[in-house]
C-alpha atoms as a PDB file:
ATOM      1  CA  MET A   1      40.100 -59.635 104.368  1.00  0.00           C
ATOM      2  CA  GLU A   2      36.614 -59.176 105.842  1.00  0.00           C
ATOM      3  CA  LYS A   3      34.318 -61.997 104.767  1.00  0.00           C
ATOM      4  CA  CYS A   4      31.233 -60.822 102.909  1.00  0.00           C
ATOM      5  CA  VAL A   5      28.236 -62.652 104.293  1.00  0.00           C
ATOM      6  CA  THR A   6      24.625 -62.208 103.303  1.00  0.00           C
ATOM      7  CA  LYS A   7      21.841 -62.717 105.783  1.00  0.00           C
ATOM      8  CA  THR A   8      20.693 -65.744 103.777  1.00  0.00           C
ATOM      9  CA  GLU A   9      23.927 -67.409 104.959  1.00  0.00           C
ATOM     10  CA  TRP A  10      23.404 -66.251 108.535  1.00  0.00           C
ATOM     11  CA  ARG A  11      21.406 -68.981 110.248  1.00  0.00           C
ATOM     12  CA  PHE A  12      19.941 -68.847 113.739  1.00  0.00           C
ATOM     13  CA  GLU A  13      19.134 -71.829 115.908  1.00  0.00           C
ATOM     14  CA  THR A  14      15.856 -70.185 116.878  1.00  0.00           C
ATOM     15  CA  GLU A  15      14.010 -67.123 115.661  1.00  0.00           C
ATOM     16  CA  GLY A  16      10.539 -65.717 115.952  1.00  0.00           C
ATOM     17  CA  PHE A  17       8.501 -62.750 117.117  1.00  0.00           C
ATOM     18  CA  ILE A  18       7.802 -61.239 120.523  1.00  0.00           C
ATOM     19  CA  GLU A  19       4.854 -59.041 121.401  1.00  0.00           C
ATOM     20  CA  VAL A  20       5.905 -55.641 122.727  1.00  0.00           C
ATOM     21  CA  GLN A  21       4.155 -52.323 123.167  1.00  0.00           C
ATOM     22  CA  GLY A  22       3.202 -51.201 119.662  1.00  0.00           C
ATOM     23  CA  GLY A  23       3.649 -54.480 117.769  1.00  0.00           C
ATOM     24  CA  ARG A  24       5.925 -57.481 117.357  1.00  0.00           C
ATOM     25  CA  VAL A  25       9.709 -57.542 117.302  1.00  0.00           C
ATOM     26  CA  TRP A  26      11.753 -60.196 115.528  1.00  0.00           C
ATOM     27  CA  TYR A  27      14.521 -62.055 117.352  1.00  0.00           C
ATOM     28  CA  GLY A  28      17.200 -64.535 116.337  1.00  0.00           C
ATOM     29  CA  ALA A  29      19.398 -66.560 118.691  1.00  0.00           C
ATOM     30  CA  THR A  30      22.425 -68.756 118.139  1.00  0.00           C
ATOM     31  CA  ARG A  31      22.537 -72.300 119.502  1.00  0.00           C
ATOM     32  CA  PRO A  32      22.856 -72.458 123.311  1.00  0.00           C
ATOM     33  CA  THR A  33      26.305 -73.696 124.326  1.00  0.00           C
ATOM     34  CA  GLN A  34      26.987 -76.697 126.551  1.00  0.00           C
ATOM     35  CA  ASN A  35      28.684 -74.537 129.181  1.00  0.00           C
ATOM     36  CA  THR A  36      26.976 -72.105 131.528  1.00  0.00           C
ATOM     37  CA  ALA A  37      28.241 -68.888 129.961  1.00  0.00           C
ATOM     38  CA  THR A  38      25.835 -65.990 130.346  1.00  0.00           C
ATOM     39  CA  PRO A  39      23.941 -65.164 127.119  1.00  0.00           C
ATOM     40  CA  LEU A  40      24.708 -61.923 125.299  1.00  0.00           C
ATOM     41  CA  LEU A  41      21.770 -59.733 124.233  1.00  0.00           C
ATOM     42  CA  VAL A  42      22.654 -57.390 121.363  1.00  0.00           C
ATOM     43  CA  LEU A  43      21.029 -53.978 120.781  1.00  0.00           C
ATOM     44  CA  HIS A  44      21.508 -52.471 117.324  1.00  0.00           C
ATOM     45  CA  GLY A  45      21.899 -48.822 116.435  1.00  0.00           C
ATOM     46  CA  GLY A  46      20.102 -46.421 114.173  1.00  0.00           C
ATOM     47  CA  PRO A  47      17.546 -45.650 115.309  1.00  0.00           C
ATOM     48  CA  GLY A  48      15.799 -47.684 112.632  1.00  0.00           C
ATOM     49  CA  MET A  49      18.646 -49.947 111.496  1.00  0.00           C
ATOM     50  CA  SER A  50      18.632 -53.737 111.848  1.00  0.00           C
ATOM     51  CA  HIS A  51      20.717 -56.415 113.509  1.00  0.00           C
ATOM     52  CA  ASP A  52      22.445 -57.463 110.258  1.00  0.00           C
ATOM     53  CA  TYR A  53      25.542 -55.262 110.517  1.00  0.00           C
ATOM     54  CA  LEU A  54      26.362 -56.847 113.878  1.00  0.00           C
ATOM     55  CA  TYR A  55      27.120 -60.199 112.259  1.00  0.00           C
ATOM     56  CA  PRO A  56      30.725 -60.358 113.631  1.00  0.00           C
ATOM     57  CA  LEU A  57      29.332 -60.850 117.139  1.00  0.00           C
ATOM     58  CA  THR A  58      28.263 -64.351 116.110  1.00  0.00           C
ATOM     59  CA  ASP A  59      31.961 -65.212 116.505  1.00  0.00           C
ATOM     60  CA  LEU A  60      31.154 -65.427 120.221  1.00  0.00           C
ATOM     61  CA  ALA A  61      28.595 -68.185 119.657  1.00  0.00           C
ATOM     62  CA  ASP A  62      31.180 -70.878 120.351  1.00  0.00           C
ATOM     63  CA  GLU A  63      31.285 -69.858 124.010  1.00  0.00           C
ATOM     64  CA  ARG A  64      27.852 -68.389 124.750  1.00  0.00           C
ATOM     65  CA  GLN A  65      24.432 -67.898 123.196  1.00  0.00           C
ATOM     66  CA  VAL A  66      24.149 -64.613 121.297  1.00  0.00           C
ATOM     67  CA  VAL A  67      20.663 -63.124 120.972  1.00  0.00           C
ATOM     68  CA  PHE A  68      19.803 -60.420 118.444  1.00  0.00           C
ATOM     69  CA  TYR A  69      16.537 -58.600 117.889  1.00  0.00           C
ATOM     70  CA  ASP A  70      15.288 -55.856 115.621  1.00  0.00           C
ATOM     71  CA  GLN A  71      13.716 -52.994 117.518  1.00  0.00           C
ATOM     72  CA  LEU A  72      10.148 -52.050 116.668  1.00  0.00           C
ATOM     73  CA  ASP A  73      10.041 -50.242 113.305  1.00  0.00           C
ATOM     74  CA  ALA A  74      13.364 -51.794 112.293  1.00  0.00           C
ATOM     75  CA  GLY A  75      14.572 -54.768 110.271  1.00  0.00           C
ATOM     76  CA  ARG A  76      12.198 -57.717 110.289  1.00  0.00           C
ATOM     77  CA  SER A  77      10.047 -56.348 113.103  1.00  0.00           C
ATOM     78  CA  ASP A  78       6.644 -54.747 112.660  1.00  0.00           C
ATOM     79  CA  ARG A  79       6.660 -51.192 111.362  1.00  0.00           C
ATOM     80  CA  PRO A  80       3.645 -49.321 112.704  1.00  0.00           C
ATOM     81  CA  ASN A  81       5.644 -46.082 112.262  1.00  0.00           C
ATOM     82  CA  GLU A  82       3.849 -44.417 115.142  1.00  0.00           C
ATOM     83  CA  PRO A  83       5.933 -41.506 116.474  1.00  0.00           C
ATOM     84  CA  ARG A  84       4.514 -42.096 119.953  1.00  0.00           C
ATOM     85  CA  ASN A  85       6.621 -45.278 120.057  1.00  0.00           C
ATOM     86  CA  TRP A  86       9.861 -43.404 119.413  1.00  0.00           C
ATOM     87  CA  VAL A  87      10.716 -42.497 122.992  1.00  0.00           C
ATOM     88  CA  LEU A  88      13.525 -43.965 125.089  1.00  0.00           C
ATOM     89  CA  SER A  89      11.234 -45.330 127.796  1.00  0.00           C
ATOM     90  CA  ARG A  90       9.423 -47.559 125.303  1.00  0.00           C
ATOM     91  CA  PHE A  91      12.720 -48.955 124.032  1.00  0.00           C
ATOM     92  CA  LEU A  92      13.676 -49.777 127.627  1.00  0.00           C
ATOM     93  CA  ASP A  93      10.363 -51.588 128.061  1.00  0.00           C
ATOM     94  CA  GLU A  94      11.131 -53.435 124.834  1.00  0.00           C
ATOM     95  CA  VAL A  95      14.419 -54.785 126.216  1.00  0.00           C
ATOM     96  CA  SER A  96      12.585 -56.054 129.294  1.00  0.00           C
ATOM     97  CA  ALA A  97       9.896 -57.665 127.137  1.00  0.00           C
ATOM     98  CA  VAL A  98      12.503 -59.478 125.036  1.00  0.00           C
ATOM     99  CA  ARG A  99      14.297 -60.727 128.140  1.00  0.00           C
ATOM    100  CA  ASP A 100      11.070 -61.922 129.726  1.00  0.00           C
ATOM    101  CA  ALA A 101       9.898 -63.705 126.587  1.00  0.00           C
ATOM    102  CA  LEU A 102      13.217 -65.506 126.093  1.00  0.00           C
ATOM    103  CA  GLY A 103      13.857 -66.283 129.739  1.00  0.00           C
ATOM    104  CA  LEU A 104      17.013 -64.174 129.912  1.00  0.00           C
ATOM    105  CA  SER A 105      16.930 -63.749 133.677  1.00  0.00           C
ATOM    106  CA  LYS A 106      20.711 -63.353 133.713  1.00  0.00           C
ATOM    107  CA  VAL A 107      22.269 -61.610 130.754  1.00  0.00           C
ATOM    108  CA  CYS A 108      25.128 -59.550 129.384  1.00  0.00           C
ATOM    109  CA  VAL A 109      24.088 -56.655 127.145  1.00  0.00           C
ATOM    110  CA  PHE A 110      25.909 -55.200 124.134  1.00  0.00           C
ATOM    111  CA  GLY A 111      24.678 -51.922 122.652  1.00  0.00           C
ATOM    112  CA  ASN A 112      26.139 -50.151 119.634  1.00  0.00           C
ATOM    113  CA  SER A 113      25.633 -46.441 118.900  1.00  0.00           C
ATOM    114  CA  TRP A 114      21.928 -45.706 119.553  1.00  0.00           C
ATOM    115  CA  GLY A 115      21.782 -49.224 120.980  1.00  0.00           C
ATOM    116  CA  GLY A 116      24.401 -48.020 123.461  1.00  0.00           C
ATOM    117  CA  THR A 117      22.061 -45.194 124.455  1.00  0.00           C
ATOM    118  CA  VAL A 118      19.373 -47.742 125.260  1.00  0.00           C
ATOM    119  CA  ALA A 119      21.807 -50.137 126.948  1.00  0.00           C
ATOM    120  CA  ALA A 120      23.316 -47.461 129.205  1.00  0.00           C
ATOM    121  CA  ALA A 121      19.908 -46.165 130.284  1.00  0.00           C
ATOM    122  CA  TYR A 122      18.713 -49.730 130.849  1.00  0.00           C
ATOM    123  CA  ALA A 123      21.709 -50.616 133.017  1.00  0.00           C
ATOM    124  CA  ALA A 124      21.271 -47.447 135.071  1.00  0.00           C
ATOM    125  CA  THR A 125      17.574 -47.992 135.767  1.00  0.00           C
ATOM    126  CA  ARG A 126      16.851 -51.730 135.408  1.00  0.00           C
ATOM    127  CA  PRO A 127      19.938 -53.604 136.607  1.00  0.00           C
ATOM    128  CA  ASP A 128      18.257 -56.829 137.768  1.00  0.00           C
ATOM    129  CA  GLY A 129      19.976 -59.861 136.274  1.00  0.00           C
ATOM    130  CA  LEU A 130      22.485 -57.788 134.311  1.00  0.00           C
ATOM    131  CA  ASP A 131      25.996 -59.245 134.572  1.00  0.00           C
ATOM    132  CA  ARG A 132      28.090 -57.039 132.349  1.00  0.00           C
ATOM    133  CA  LEU A 133      27.589 -54.265 129.835  1.00  0.00           C
ATOM    134  CA  VAL A 134      29.373 -53.418 126.594  1.00  0.00           C
ATOM    135  CA  LEU A 135      28.853 -49.899 125.263  1.00  0.00           C
ATOM    136  CA  SER A 136      30.129 -49.883 121.690  1.00  0.00           C
ATOM    137  CA  SER A 137      30.613 -46.348 120.336  1.00  0.00           C
ATOM    138  CA  PRO A 138      27.590 -45.173 122.327  1.00  0.00           C
ATOM    139  CA  LEU A 139      25.578 -42.006 121.897  1.00  0.00           C
ATOM    140  CA  ILE A 140      25.562 -40.559 125.422  1.00  0.00           C
ATOM    141  CA  SER A 141      25.251 -36.829 124.716  1.00  0.00           C
ATOM    142  CA  THR A 142      23.803 -35.478 121.493  1.00  0.00           C
ATOM    143  CA  ASP A 143      25.469 -32.090 121.909  1.00  0.00           C
ATOM    144  CA  ARG A 144      28.882 -33.720 122.366  1.00  0.00           C
ATOM    145  CA  TRP A 145      28.263 -35.987 119.357  1.00  0.00           C
ATOM    146  CA  ILE A 146      27.308 -33.080 117.107  1.00  0.00           C
ATOM    147  CA  ALA A 147      30.251 -30.951 118.245  1.00  0.00           C
ATOM    148  CA  ASP A 148      32.730 -33.780 117.683  1.00  0.00           C
ATOM    149  CA  ASN A 149      31.378 -34.580 114.250  1.00  0.00           C
ATOM    150  CA  GLN A 150      31.323 -30.955 113.222  1.00  0.00           C
ATOM    151  CA  ARG A 151      35.073 -31.081 113.813  1.00  0.00           C
ATOM    152  CA  HIS A 152      35.203 -34.214 111.660  1.00  0.00           C
ATOM    153  CA  ARG A 153      33.369 -32.312 108.919  1.00  0.00           C
ATOM    154  CA  GLU A 154      35.917 -29.535 109.115  1.00  0.00           C
ATOM    155  CA  GLN A 155      38.639 -32.074 108.337  1.00  0.00           C
ATOM    156  CA  LEU A 156      37.057 -32.986 105.004  1.00  0.00           C
ATOM    157  CA  PRO A 157      38.563 -31.443 101.851  1.00  0.00           C
ATOM    158  CA  PRO A 158      37.528 -27.772 101.471  1.00  0.00           C
ATOM    159  CA  SER A 159      35.714 -28.507  98.208  1.00  0.00           C
ATOM    160  CA  VAL A 160      33.598 -31.151  99.948  1.00  0.00           C
ATOM    161  CA  GLN A 161      32.809 -28.795 102.805  1.00  0.00           C
ATOM    162  CA  GLU A 162      31.697 -26.169 100.294  1.00  0.00           C
ATOM    163  CA  ILE A 163      29.352 -28.630  98.586  1.00  0.00           C
ATOM    164  CA  MET A 164      27.818 -29.607 101.908  1.00  0.00           C
ATOM    165  CA  ALA A 165      27.352 -26.022 103.026  1.00  0.00           C
ATOM    166  CA  SER A 166      25.812 -24.881  99.744  1.00  0.00           C
ATOM    167  CA  CYS A 167      23.423 -27.835  99.550  1.00  0.00           C
ATOM    168  CA  GLU A 168      22.344 -27.344 103.158  1.00  0.00           C
ATOM    169  CA  ALA A 169      21.762 -23.627 102.580  1.00  0.00           C
ATOM    170  CA  ALA A 170      19.650 -24.421  99.514  1.00  0.00           C
ATOM    171  CA  GLY A 171      17.752 -27.223 101.245  1.00  0.00           C
ATOM    172  CA  GLN A 172      19.107 -29.730  98.734  1.00  0.00           C
ATOM    173  CA  ILE A 173      20.533 -32.434 100.985  1.00  0.00           C
ATOM    174  CA  GLU A 174      19.049 -35.121  98.723  1.00  0.00           C
ATOM    175  CA  ALA A 175      21.258 -33.939  95.843  1.00  0.00           C
ATOM    176  CA  ASP A 176      23.745 -36.487  94.527  1.00  0.00           C
ATOM    177  CA  GLU A 177      26.743 -34.303  95.280  1.00  0.00           C
ATOM    178  CA  TYR A 178      25.622 -33.885  98.892  1.00  0.00           C
ATOM    179  CA  GLN A 179      25.074 -37.608  99.314  1.00  0.00           C
ATOM    180  CA  ASP A 180      28.532 -38.220  97.843  1.00  0.00           C
ATOM    181  CA  ALA A 181      29.960 -35.900 100.486  1.00  0.00           C
ATOM    182  CA  VAL A 182      28.078 -37.742 103.221  1.00  0.00           C
ATOM    183  CA  ALA A 183      29.423 -41.024 101.848  1.00  0.00           C
ATOM    184  CA  LEU A 184      32.969 -39.665 102.144  1.00  0.00           C
ATOM    185  CA  PHE A 185      32.293 -38.719 105.766  1.00  0.00           C
ATOM    186  CA  TYR A 186      30.939 -42.203 106.467  1.00  0.00           C
ATOM    187  CA  SER A 187      33.956 -43.846 104.820  1.00  0.00           C
ATOM    188  CA  ARG A 188      36.162 -42.037 107.326  1.00  0.00           C
ATOM    189  CA  HIS A 189      34.079 -42.119 110.489  1.00  0.00           C
ATOM    190  CA  PHE A 190      31.415 -44.833 110.178  1.00  0.00           C
ATOM    191  CA  CYS A 191      33.115 -47.796 108.484  1.00  0.00           C
ATOM    192  CA  ARG A 192      36.600 -47.680 106.973  1.00  0.00           C
ATOM    193  CA  VAL A 193      36.431 -51.111 105.297  1.00  0.00           C
ATOM    194  CA  ASP A 194      36.286 -50.701 101.507  1.00  0.00           C
ATOM    195  CA  PRO A 195      34.010 -52.001 100.187  1.00  0.00           C
ATOM    196  CA  TRP A 196      31.617 -52.385 103.090  1.00  0.00           C
ATOM    197  CA  PRO A 197      30.716 -55.993 103.869  1.00  0.00           C
ATOM    198  CA  LEU A 198      27.346 -57.060 102.506  1.00  0.00           C
ATOM    199  CA  TYR A 199      25.881 -57.469 105.980  1.00  0.00           C
ATOM    200  CA  VAL A 200      26.600 -53.796 106.710  1.00  0.00           C
ATOM    201  CA  ASN A 201      24.946 -52.733 103.465  1.00  0.00           C
ATOM    202  CA  GLU A 202      21.940 -54.895 104.291  1.00  0.00           C
ATOM    203  CA  SER A 203      21.280 -52.872 107.443  1.00  0.00           C
ATOM    204  CA  PHE A 204      21.335 -49.697 105.340  1.00  0.00           C
ATOM    205  CA  ASP A 205      19.097 -51.293 102.710  1.00  0.00           C
ATOM    206  CA  VAL A 206      16.355 -51.883 105.294  1.00  0.00           C
ATOM    207  CA  LEU A 207      16.889 -48.675 107.283  1.00  0.00           C
ATOM    208  CA  ASN A 208      13.590 -47.164 108.387  1.00  0.00           C
ATOM    209  CA  GLU A 209      14.306 -43.635 107.233  1.00  0.00           C
ATOM    210  CA  GLN A 210      11.167 -42.233 108.846  1.00  0.00           C
ATOM    211  CA  CYS A 211      12.193 -43.560 112.253  1.00  0.00           C
ATOM    212  CA  TYR A 212      15.811 -42.466 111.800  1.00  0.00           C
ATOM    213  CA  SER A 213      14.988 -38.950 110.640  1.00  0.00           C
ATOM    214  CA  SER A 214      12.251 -38.447 113.247  1.00  0.00           C
ATOM    215  CA  MET A 215      14.393 -39.599 116.144  1.00  0.00           C
ATOM    216  CA  TRP A 216      17.758 -38.320 114.923  1.00  0.00           C
ATOM    217  CA  GLY A 217      17.920 -36.371 111.664  1.00  0.00           C
ATOM    218  CA  PRO A 218      19.052 -36.502 108.028  1.00  0.00           C
ATOM    219  CA  ASN A 219      22.559 -37.851 108.688  1.00  0.00           C
ATOM    220  CA  GLU A 220      25.037 -38.791 111.412  1.00  0.00           C
ATOM    221  CA  PHE A 221      26.279 -35.252 112.024  1.00  0.00           C
ATOM    222  CA  THR A 222      22.918 -33.456 112.071  1.00  0.00           C
ATOM    223  CA  CYS A 223      20.276 -33.945 114.784  1.00  0.00           C
ATOM    224  CA  ASP A 224      16.904 -32.214 114.671  1.00  0.00           C
ATOM    225  CA  GLY A 225      14.716 -35.051 115.958  1.00  0.00           C
ATOM    226  CA  VAL A 226      13.548 -36.529 119.254  1.00  0.00           C
ATOM    227  CA  LEU A 227      17.126 -37.058 120.449  1.00  0.00           C
ATOM    228  CA  MET A 228      18.092 -33.400 119.994  1.00  0.00           C
ATOM    229  CA  GLY A 229      19.570 -32.247 123.299  1.00  0.00           C
ATOM    230  CA  TYR A 230      19.608 -35.748 124.786  1.00  0.00           C
ATOM    231  CA  ASP A 231      22.167 -36.210 127.569  1.00  0.00           C
ATOM    232  CA  GLY A 232      22.377 -39.444 129.526  1.00  0.00           C
ATOM    233  CA  SER A 233      25.698 -38.704 131.194  1.00  0.00           C
ATOM    234  CA  ALA A 234      24.179 -37.953 134.598  1.00  0.00           C
ATOM    235  CA  SER A 235      22.848 -41.504 134.890  1.00  0.00           C
ATOM    236  CA  LEU A 236      26.184 -43.201 134.153  1.00  0.00           C
ATOM    237  CA  ALA A 237      27.230 -43.076 137.808  1.00  0.00           C
ATOM    238  CA  SER A 238      24.246 -45.305 138.618  1.00  0.00           C
ATOM    239  CA  ILE A 239      25.584 -48.216 136.559  1.00  0.00           C
ATOM    240  CA  GLU A 240      26.866 -50.781 139.037  1.00  0.00           C
ATOM    241  CA  VAL A 241      27.924 -53.669 136.781  1.00  0.00           C
ATOM    242  CA  PRO A 242      31.325 -53.902 135.080  1.00  0.00           C
ATOM    243  CA  VAL A 243      31.339 -52.002 131.790  1.00  0.00           C
ATOM    244  CA  LEU A 244      33.500 -52.136 128.682  1.00  0.00           C
ATOM    245  CA  MET A 245      33.260 -49.033 126.498  1.00  0.00           C
ATOM    246  CA  THR A 246      34.747 -49.321 123.022  1.00  0.00           C
ATOM    247  CA  CYS A 247      35.289 -47.032 120.072  1.00  0.00           C
ATOM    248  CA  GLY A 248      37.472 -46.620 117.014  1.00  0.00           C
ATOM    249  CA  GLU A 249      40.339 -44.205 116.539  1.00  0.00           C
ATOM    250  CA  PHE A 250      38.315 -42.216 113.976  1.00  0.00           C
ATOM    251  CA  ASP A 251      34.878 -42.862 115.471  1.00  0.00           C
ATOM    252  CA  GLU A 252      31.859 -40.585 115.396  1.00  0.00           C
ATOM    253  CA  ALA A 253      31.815 -41.418 119.105  1.00  0.00           C
ATOM    254  CA  THR A 254      35.308 -40.044 119.562  1.00  0.00           C
ATOM    255  CA  PRO A 255      37.948 -41.583 121.836  1.00  0.00           C
ATOM    256  CA  ALA A 256      38.030 -38.363 123.875  1.00  0.00           C
ATOM    257  CA  ALA A 257      34.275 -38.489 124.414  1.00  0.00           C
ATOM    258  CA  CYS A 258      34.267 -42.193 125.269  1.00  0.00           C
ATOM    259  CA  ARG A 259      37.112 -41.792 127.744  1.00  0.00           C
ATOM    260  CA  ALA A 260      35.280 -38.890 129.392  1.00  0.00           C
ATOM    261  CA  PHE A 261      32.036 -40.849 129.661  1.00  0.00           C
ATOM    262  CA  SER A 262      33.761 -44.021 130.852  1.00  0.00           C
ATOM    263  CA  ALA A 263      35.306 -42.008 133.695  1.00  0.00           C
ATOM    264  CA  LEU A 264      31.777 -41.335 134.972  1.00  0.00           C
ATOM    265  CA  ILE A 265      31.018 -45.057 135.370  1.00  0.00           C
ATOM    266  CA  PRO A 266      32.263 -46.615 138.626  1.00  0.00           C
ATOM    267  CA  ASN A 267      33.658 -49.820 137.087  1.00  0.00           C
ATOM    268  CA  CYS A 268      34.462 -49.169 133.442  1.00  0.00           C
ATOM    269  CA  GLU A 269      37.354 -49.777 131.092  1.00  0.00           C
ATOM    270  CA  CYS A 270      37.685 -48.030 127.743  1.00  0.00           C
ATOM    271  CA  GLU A 271      39.253 -49.647 124.689  1.00  0.00           C
ATOM    272  CA  VAL A 272      40.122 -47.691 121.531  1.00  0.00           C
ATOM    273  CA  PHE A 273      40.754 -49.663 118.330  1.00  0.00           C
ATOM    274  CA  ALA A 274      43.387 -48.275 115.971  1.00  0.00           C
ATOM    275  CA  ASP A 275      42.566 -47.560 112.321  1.00  0.00           C
ATOM    276  CA  SER A 276      38.856 -48.100 113.036  1.00  0.00           C
ATOM    277  CA  SER A 277      35.780 -45.926 113.311  1.00  0.00           C
ATOM    278  CA  HIS A 278      32.147 -46.493 114.322  1.00  0.00           C
ATOM    279  CA  LEU A 279      32.051 -50.188 113.424  1.00  0.00           C
ATOM    280  CA  ALA A 280      35.260 -51.351 115.086  1.00  0.00           C
ATOM    281  CA  PHE A 281      33.843 -54.868 115.419  1.00  0.00           C
ATOM    282  CA  VAL A 282      33.829 -54.966 111.602  1.00  0.00           C
ATOM    283  CA  GLU A 283      37.034 -53.037 110.948  1.00  0.00           C
ATOM    284  CA  ALA A 284      39.166 -54.716 113.631  1.00  0.00           C
ATOM    285  CA  ARG A 285      37.103 -57.870 113.963  1.00  0.00           C
ATOM    286  CA  ALA A 286      39.712 -60.272 115.373  1.00  0.00           C
ATOM    287  CA  SER A 287      41.072 -57.936 118.048  1.00  0.00           C
ATOM    288  CA  TYR A 288      37.595 -56.660 118.901  1.00  0.00           C
ATOM    289  CA  ILE A 289      36.182 -60.142 119.435  1.00  0.00           C
ATOM    290  CA  ALA A 290      39.248 -61.101 121.475  1.00  0.00           C
ATOM    291  CA  THR A 291      38.631 -58.069 123.692  1.00  0.00           C
ATOM    292  CA  LEU A 292      34.991 -59.059 124.148  1.00  0.00           C
ATOM    293  CA  ARG A 293      35.964 -62.623 125.048  1.00  0.00           C
ATOM    294  CA  ARG A 294      38.377 -61.394 127.701  1.00  0.00           C
ATOM    295  CA  PHE A 295      35.884 -58.976 129.209  1.00  0.00           C
ATOM    296  CA  LEU A 296      32.932 -61.360 129.194  1.00  0.00           C
ATOM    297  CA  SER A 297      34.895 -64.396 130.383  1.00  0.00           C
ATOM    298  CA  ALA A 298      35.210 -62.956 133.870  1.00  0.00           C
ATOM    299  CA  ILE A 299      31.517 -63.682 134.343  1.00  0.00           C
ATOM    300  CA  ALA A 300      31.214 -66.563 131.923  1.00  0.00           C
ATOM    301  CA  THR A 301      29.530 -68.879 134.433  1.00  0.00           C
ATOM    302  CA  THR A 302      26.111 -68.490 135.963  1.00  0.00           C
ATOM    303  CA  ASP A 303      25.172 -69.087 139.591  1.00  0.00           C
END
């Protein structure tokens, strides 16, 4: 049974704010370990979500420091809500600013979903001090994502598909029946734990909807924002560090897509978790964390 943990029970050894372009971002870090294991820097998804749903990664804190931060306009960070900040290059600068401020000269990086977009682009263009990379259900190509999730939509019950189509045609995607249909989609392809753990709900409770809709769109299977047409696949061949790409059996980032993208990275393994979807680290927590430990342990000591 997945433990339900609220963020009031989730304590960090250190936390604070870091100045970045556009404002301040919040960070929280677990206690440094006595060994020399390389710290893990965690990039959340969204865009516009928070670090909270990534709580299971604190299981790694017994062997290495785990550092979380909320991207600008997300979670506990400042929310200037300036669209000029919602470009990939600024998010890459943000990662560098966080590393510099916290002295993370050598680091492993974990990115989930949109965080995987940032992490992959960062590894391809700013590899200094990067030991290993984990791409968890990453968004690499928007067109591939939309096509795959259109197929997921077509697997919903016909009555649900009809509701979605009629609401979309009428411009009524805020209607309760449409949101119920979206919730069914999410229960199959976003998180299959029922009910969702509190820490997952907390990330949704603080979602910056303006950032999410401006960068992505109204829901996980519709993109009409900044990321429309995004394709980072060409840069994957430039990633030189070892990479672990993960996804769930029923993921929005489908196993077929993740296997195809992992094949473009010189040194990459791909792990698919059965009976899981977009949050495999929640749905298959024990096996997921064990997989991370194995992958990260190969570079667990610093020079």
